[in-house]
Amino acid sequence: MLILDTKERYRQAHTFLFGKVAYPAPSYKTAINRLSMSSVIGIVSVALVASLFMSFTVGANSNSAPIAPAVGANALSTLRGALLVGLVAGLGAIAQGGSISETIGHGLVTGVTITPLAATATLLTAATLITIGNSRGYPIPSAFTVTGAAIGAGVALGGGFAAGTYAKILGFWFAIPVVEGILAYGLAWLLLDERVSDEVSIPLLAGGVGYALANIQLSFLPAPQSEQGSIAGVITRQFDVTLTAVGEAGVVIVGSVIGLLTVAVVYWQLRRDVTTGINRMLVGLALVVVFTSGGSQVGLATGPLESVFESSLGLPSVYLLGLGGLGILLGGWFRSPRLIQAVAREYAALGPKRSIAAFIPAFLIAQAAIALGYPISFNKVMISSIVGAGLVSGSSKSRGYQPRKQGTRSGPGSPR
């Protein structure tokens, strides 16, 4: 009697929802399967919302700081800077976020596959801790929080510790302040040294950045036997540079040409006007660092869902990175203007030349982390560079104007 009553209620509900009667009513096993599927869909939906929230938080906090020096030097307005942060960081998330997302999703525990419920627990735990820390004024690095939560969820499922991966990641984390501090100090010393002209030092540094950009791996560039390619690699194959070079030397040649073109463009800008040239170099480097930060941070929001997208939804990870990029874009647009204004005051004291010296090591270290697939705290990366550059004494005014370093003469016989 109870079974008949249940079946009749199902028929009535089906008629109400779809306008026709369903005969025969499904078995209890089918009903349970549908209920389980509904639960999975609900859990995945919560996980997607949590991932979007995490990427929104990352876009508001970690990705907005690099644009602040350009705002402090009056090279950009705050709102325009926030707009660029959202667009460029979102693009970087889609173009370079796959490696770190893969590590978070598959590389931190062994022997298990992260379930939708475990992914949801990971993201909600990390998001809650970060939100509590921000509300109480205690900055909590997203990389440390998400990595710990992902390990805990994986071990709770019965997985093992990936000790080798932990050792590599921890070693990289400990190396960041030392390596970045030394690099930033050396670059700041070079830029502030009165014996080296700005027309020499700044274009050479720009050329090095151009060479590095030509060789970074991007998801939207085709490459044989690989999911990602580089600008230098695409040009090499397009013009058959490898026919006149030996092996990988073709990529090096193309990258060097791009670096030399960057040197020429920056040198031409400085010859026209030193102040404008330095500020444009500052804006360009800031956008490069913002792009890199998007690629290095989106995996913290999307990594726990890697297995869910592959197994439960059957979708490629590019859609997941697109979701993370959307969250970063929204966070950059809606939450970063206030942070940019606050940080710009601090960077104004640092000056544009020290800011340039801080940006280059931050870009290189973050790109190394992306290439290796290691999650990092981008705020830690920026702080390490700023400390190293700030230790150098000398004049680095907000407009970057130093007569002796501009190549102009202040009087007869004055040294250039």
Foldseek 3Di string as FASTA:
>chain_A
DVVVVVQVVVQVVCCVVPVHGDPPRDDPVVVVVVVVLVVQVVLLVLLLVLLLQQLLVCLQPLLLLLQLLLCLLVVDPLQVSLLLLLVLLLQLLLWQQPLLLQCLQPPFWPDDHQGSNLSSQLSVQLSVVQVVCVVVVHHDFLLVSSSVSSNVSQVVVVTHGPVVLVVVLVVLQVCLLVVLLVQLLVQLCQLQDLVAAPLPSVLLLQLVVQLVQQFFWTQVDDDPPDNTGGNLVVVCVVVVQCVVPPDCVSSVVSSNVRSVVSSVVLSVVLVVPVLVSLSVSSNVLSSLLSSLSSNQRSSSSQNNCCSVCCPVVVHDCSVSSSSSSNSSSNSSNPNRSVVSVVSSVVSQVLASSSSSSLSSQLSVSSSVCSVVNHHDRSVVNSVSSSVSSSVDDGDRHSSRDDQSNSPHAPDPPRHD
